[in-house]
């Protein structure tokens, strides 16, 4: 392999190692987030509060869209991602209500 190809392979490995670390951060961050939302769901169930809070959800989506623009992340992707997470949280909260 020539020097350029070796350098490209080394750079590729660095990028992939970084991606692997970031994936781990994402997984642990999501796990922690869901632990907190589970606690919220239990609290809501204990106090007969609704599993969904549409006004908070709308504020969160708006906030995430703004953050995504600052971070140079596609706001539509960020909105879809948070909408998915919120739907999972609500589903968990509804289960706790039963």
N, C-alpha and C. Protein backbone atom coordinates (compact mmCIF):
# COMPACT_ATOMS: atom_id res chain seq x y z
N UNK A 1 0.84 -1.18 0.00
CA UNK A 1 0.00 0.00 0.00
C UNK A 1 0.89 1.24 0.00
N UNK A 2 0.48 2.25 -0.74
CA UNK A 2 1.31 3.46 -0.78
C UNK A 2 1.07 4.32 0.46
N UNK A 3 1.89 5.32 0.61
CA UNK A 3 1.84 6.18 1.79
C UNK A 3 0.50 6.89 1.93
N UNK A 4 -0.05 7.39 0.82
CA UNK A 4 -1.36 8.06 0.86
C UNK A 4 -2.45 7.09 1.32
N UNK A 5 -2.41 5.88 0.82
CA UNK A 5 -3.42 4.89 1.21
C UNK A 5 -3.25 4.52 2.68
N UNK A 6 -2.02 4.41 3.15
CA UNK A 6 -1.78 4.12 4.57
C UNK A 6 -2.31 5.26 5.45
N UNK A 7 -2.04 6.47 5.04
CA UNK A 7 -2.53 7.64 5.79
C UNK A 7 -4.05 7.67 5.79
N UNK A 8 -4.66 7.37 4.66
CA UNK A 8 -6.13 7.34 4.58
C UNK A 8 -6.69 6.27 5.51
N UNK A 9 -6.05 5.11 5.54
CA UNK A 9 -6.50 4.03 6.44
C UNK A 9 -6.39 4.46 7.90
N UNK A 10 -5.30 5.14 8.24
CA UNK A 10 -5.11 5.61 9.62
C UNK A 10 -6.18 6.64 9.99
N UNK A 11 -6.46 7.56 9.06
CA UNK A 11 -7.50 8.58 9.30
C UNK A 11 -8.88 7.93 9.42
N UNK A 12 -9.13 6.95 8.58
CA UNK A 12 -10.40 6.23 8.62
C UNK A 12 -10.59 5.56 9.98
N UNK A 13 -9.53 4.94 10.48
CA UNK A 13 -9.59 4.28 11.80
C UNK A 13 -9.87 5.30 12.90
N UNK A 14 -9.21 6.46 12.83
CA UNK A 14 -9.44 7.52 13.82
C UNK A 14 -10.90 7.98 13.81
N UNK A 15 -11.43 8.21 12.60
CA UNK A 15 -12.83 8.63 12.48
C UNK A 15 -13.77 7.56 13.03
N UNK A 16 -13.52 6.32 12.68
CA UNK A 16 -14.39 5.23 13.15
C UNK A 16 -14.29 5.05 14.66
N UNK A 17 -13.11 5.19 15.22
CA UNK A 17 -12.95 5.10 16.67
C UNK A 17 -13.75 6.21 17.36
N UNK A 18 -13.70 7.41 16.80
CA UNK A 18 -14.46 8.52 17.35
C UNK A 18 -15.96 8.25 17.25
N UNK A 19 -16.40 7.75 16.11
CA UNK A 19 -17.81 7.41 15.93
C UNK A 19 -18.24 6.36 16.95
N UNK A 20 -17.41 5.37 17.19
CA UNK A 20 -17.73 4.33 18.18
C UNK A 20 -17.88 4.94 19.58
N UNK A 21 -17.00 5.86 19.94
CA UNK A 21 -17.10 6.52 21.24
C UNK A 21 -18.38 7.35 21.32
N UNK A 22 -18.69 8.06 20.25
CA UNK A 22 -19.91 8.87 20.23
C UNK A 22 -21.16 7.99 20.31
N UNK A 23 -21.15 6.85 19.65
CA UNK A 23 -22.29 5.92 19.75
C UNK A 23 -22.48 5.47 21.20
N UNK A 24 -21.39 5.20 21.89
CA UNK A 24 -21.48 4.80 23.30
C UNK A 24 -22.07 5.93 24.14
N UNK A 25 -21.63 7.15 23.87
CA UNK A 25 -22.18 8.31 24.59
C UNK A 25 -23.67 8.43 24.34
N UNK A 26 -24.09 8.26 23.09
CA UNK A 26 -25.51 8.34 22.76
C UNK A 26 -26.32 7.28 23.51
N UNK A 27 -25.83 6.06 23.52
CA UNK A 27 -26.55 4.97 24.19
C UNK A 27 -26.68 5.25 25.69
N UNK A 28 -25.58 5.63 26.32
CA UNK A 28 -25.64 5.91 27.76
C UNK A 28 -26.49 7.13 28.08
N UNK A 29 -26.44 8.14 27.20
CA UNK A 29 -27.26 9.33 27.39
C UNK A 29 -28.74 8.99 27.26
N UNK A 30 -29.09 8.21 26.25
CA UNK A 30 -30.49 7.79 26.09
C UNK A 30 -30.95 6.95 27.27
N UNK A 31 -30.09 6.07 27.75
CA UNK A 31 -30.45 5.24 28.90
C UNK A 31 -30.73 6.12 30.12
N UNK A 32 -29.89 7.09 30.36
CA UNK A 32 -30.09 7.99 31.50
C UNK A 32 -31.36 8.82 31.32
N UNK A 33 -31.60 9.27 30.10
CA UNK A 33 -32.80 10.05 29.84
C UNK A 33 -34.06 9.22 30.12
N UNK A 34 -34.05 7.98 29.67
CA UNK A 34 -35.22 7.13 29.90
C UNK A 34 -35.37 6.77 31.38
N UNK A 35 -34.30 6.66 32.12
CA UNK A 35 -34.41 6.44 33.57
C UNK A 35 -35.15 7.62 34.21
N UNK A 36 -34.80 8.83 33.78
CA UNK A 36 -35.45 10.01 34.33
C UNK A 36 -36.92 10.09 33.90
N UNK A 37 -37.20 9.78 32.65
CA UNK A 37 -38.60 9.85 32.21
C UNK A 37 -39.43 8.74 32.85
N UNK A 38 -38.80 7.60 33.17
CA UNK A 38 -39.52 6.55 33.89
C UNK A 38 -39.91 7.05 35.28
N UNK A 39 -39.00 7.76 35.93
CA UNK A 39 -39.29 8.33 37.25
C UNK A 39 -40.44 9.33 37.15
N UNK A 40 -40.42 10.15 36.09
CA UNK A 40 -41.51 11.11 35.87
C UNK A 40 -42.82 10.35 35.66
N UNK A 41 -42.77 9.28 34.86
CA UNK A 41 -43.98 8.50 34.61
C UNK A 41 -44.55 7.90 35.88
N UNK A 42 -43.69 7.39 36.75
CA UNK A 42 -44.16 6.83 38.03
C UNK A 42 -44.79 7.91 38.89
N UNK A 43 -44.16 9.07 38.93
CA UNK A 43 -44.70 10.19 39.69
C UNK A 43 -46.07 10.60 39.15
N UNK A 44 -46.18 10.68 37.82
CA UNK A 44 -47.46 11.04 37.21
C UNK A 44 -48.53 9.99 37.54
N UNK A 45 -48.17 8.72 37.47
CA UNK A 45 -49.12 7.65 37.75
C UNK A 45 -49.57 7.70 39.21
N UNK A 46 -48.64 7.93 40.12
CA UNK A 46 -48.97 7.99 41.55
C UNK A 46 -49.91 9.14 41.87
N UNK A 47 -49.84 10.21 41.09
CA UNK A 47 -50.64 11.40 41.37
C UNK A 47 -51.73 11.63 40.32
N UNK A 48 -52.01 10.58 39.55
CA UNK A 48 -53.07 10.60 38.56
C UNK A 48 -52.96 11.80 37.61
N UNK A 49 -51.75 12.06 37.18
CA UNK A 49 -51.50 13.12 36.20
C UNK A 49 -51.49 12.51 34.80
N UNK A 50 -51.85 13.27 33.79
CA UNK A 50 -51.89 12.72 32.43
C UNK A 50 -50.49 12.30 31.96
N UNK A 51 -50.42 11.23 31.19
CA UNK A 51 -49.12 10.75 30.71
C UNK A 51 -48.46 11.68 29.70
N UNK A 52 -49.23 12.54 29.10
CA UNK A 52 -48.71 13.43 28.06
C UNK A 52 -48.89 14.88 28.49
N UNK A 53 -47.95 15.73 28.11
CA UNK A 53 -48.02 17.17 28.37
C UNK A 53 -47.72 17.87 27.05
N UNK A 54 -48.75 18.03 26.21
CA UNK A 54 -48.54 18.58 24.86
C UNK A 54 -47.83 19.92 24.82
N UNK A 55 -48.09 20.81 25.77
CA UNK A 55 -47.43 22.12 25.72
C UNK A 55 -45.93 21.98 26.01
N UNK A 56 -45.57 21.12 26.97
CA UNK A 56 -44.14 20.89 27.24
C UNK A 56 -43.48 20.22 26.04
N UNK A 57 -44.17 19.24 25.46
CA UNK A 57 -43.61 18.54 24.30
C UNK A 57 -43.35 19.51 23.15
N UNK A 58 -44.28 20.42 22.92
CA UNK A 58 -44.11 21.42 21.85
C UNK A 58 -42.92 22.33 22.16
N UNK A 59 -42.80 22.75 23.44
CA UNK A 59 -41.65 23.59 23.82
C UNK A 59 -40.33 22.83 23.63
N UNK A 60 -40.33 21.55 23.98
CA UNK A 60 -39.11 20.75 23.85
C UNK A 60 -38.71 20.61 22.38
N UNK A 61 -39.68 20.37 21.53
CA UNK A 61 -39.39 20.23 20.10
C UNK A 61 -38.85 21.55 19.55
N UNK A 62 -39.48 22.65 19.94
CA UNK A 62 -39.01 23.97 19.51
C UNK A 62 -37.58 24.22 20.01
N UNK A 63 -37.33 23.88 21.27
CA UNK A 63 -35.99 24.06 21.86
C UNK A 63 -34.95 23.22 21.11
N UNK A 64 -35.31 21.96 20.81
CA UNK A 64 -34.37 21.08 20.12
C UNK A 64 -34.10 21.57 18.70
N UNK A 65 -35.12 22.08 18.05
CA UNK A 65 -34.91 22.63 16.70
C UNK A 65 -33.92 23.80 16.75
N UNK A 66 -34.07 24.65 17.75
CA UNK A 66 -33.15 25.77 17.91
C UNK A 66 -31.73 25.28 18.21
N UNK A 67 -31.60 24.33 19.12
CA UNK A 67 -30.29 23.77 19.44
C UNK A 67 -29.65 23.12 18.22
N UNK A 68 -30.47 22.42 17.44
CA UNK A 68 -29.92 21.73 16.27
C UNK A 68 -29.38 22.73 15.25
N UNK A 69 -30.04 23.87 15.11
CA UNK A 69 -29.55 24.90 14.20
C UNK A 69 -28.20 25.42 14.69
N UNK A 70 -28.11 25.66 16.00
CA UNK A 70 -26.84 26.12 16.58
C UNK A 70 -25.73 25.10 16.36
N UNK A 71 -26.09 23.83 16.44
CA UNK A 71 -25.10 22.75 16.33
C UNK A 71 -24.85 22.33 14.88
N UNK A 72 -25.51 22.99 13.95
CA UNK A 72 -25.39 22.66 12.53
C UNK A 72 -25.86 21.23 12.24
N UNK A 73 -26.98 20.87 12.87
CA UNK A 73 -27.63 19.59 12.66
C UNK A 73 -28.96 19.86 11.97
N UNK A 74 -29.32 19.04 11.03
CA UNK A 74 -30.58 19.21 10.30
C UNK A 74 -31.74 19.28 11.29
N UNK A 75 -32.44 20.43 11.38
CA UNK A 75 -33.54 20.58 12.33
C UNK A 75 -34.67 19.57 12.12
N UNK A 76 -34.91 19.18 10.87
CA UNK A 76 -35.96 18.18 10.61
C UNK A 76 -35.59 16.83 11.22
N UNK A 77 -34.33 16.47 11.09
CA UNK A 77 -33.86 15.22 11.70
C UNK A 77 -34.02 15.31 13.21
N UNK A 78 -33.60 16.42 13.80
CA UNK A 78 -33.69 16.59 15.25
C UNK A 78 -35.15 16.51 15.71
N UNK A 79 -36.04 17.11 14.96
CA UNK A 79 -37.47 17.09 15.30
C UNK A 79 -38.01 15.66 15.24
N UNK A 80 -37.66 14.94 14.19
CA UNK A 80 -38.11 13.55 14.07
C UNK A 80 -37.58 12.69 15.21
N UNK A 81 -36.32 12.91 15.55
CA UNK A 81 -35.67 12.14 16.62
C UNK A 81 -36.37 12.41 17.95
N UNK A 82 -36.58 13.68 18.30
CA UNK A 82 -37.22 14.00 19.57
C UNK A 82 -38.68 13.54 19.58
N UNK A 83 -39.36 13.67 18.46
CA UNK A 83 -40.75 13.20 18.38
C UNK A 83 -40.82 11.70 18.66
N UNK A 84 -39.86 10.95 18.12
CA UNK A 84 -39.81 9.51 18.40
C UNK A 84 -39.58 9.25 19.88
N UNK A 85 -38.63 9.95 20.47
CA UNK A 85 -38.33 9.76 21.89
C UNK A 85 -39.56 10.10 22.74
N UNK A 86 -40.20 11.22 22.44
CA UNK A 86 -41.39 11.63 23.20
C UNK A 86 -42.48 10.58 23.08
N UNK A 87 -42.68 10.03 21.90
CA UNK A 87 -43.73 9.01 21.73
C UNK A 87 -43.41 7.77 22.56
N UNK A 88 -42.15 7.40 22.65
CA UNK A 88 -41.74 6.26 23.49
C UNK A 88 -41.97 6.57 24.97
N UNK A 89 -41.64 7.77 25.37
CA UNK A 89 -41.84 8.17 26.77
C UNK A 89 -43.33 8.12 27.11
N UNK A 90 -44.16 8.67 26.25
CA UNK A 90 -45.61 8.67 26.50
C UNK A 90 -46.13 7.23 26.58
N UNK A 91 -45.64 6.38 25.69
CA UNK A 91 -46.04 4.97 25.71
C UNK A 91 -45.69 4.34 27.06
N UNK A 92 -44.49 4.61 27.56
CA UNK A 92 -44.09 4.08 28.87
C UNK A 92 -44.97 4.65 29.98
N UNK A 93 -45.27 5.95 29.90
CA UNK A 93 -46.12 6.58 30.92
C UNK A 93 -47.53 5.98 30.89
N UNK A 94 -48.05 5.72 29.71
CA UNK A 94 -49.38 5.12 29.61
C UNK A 94 -49.39 3.73 30.23
N UNK A 95 -48.32 2.97 30.02
CA UNK A 95 -48.22 1.63 30.64
C UNK A 95 -48.26 1.73 32.16
N UNK A 96 -47.57 2.73 32.70
CA UNK A 96 -47.54 2.91 34.14
C UNK A 96 -48.89 3.33 34.70
N UNK A 97 -49.70 3.98 33.88
CA UNK A 97 -51.02 4.44 34.32
C UNK A 97 -52.00 3.27 34.47
N UNK A 98 -51.70 2.15 33.80
CA UNK A 98 -52.63 1.01 33.79
C UNK A 98 -52.42 0.12 34.98
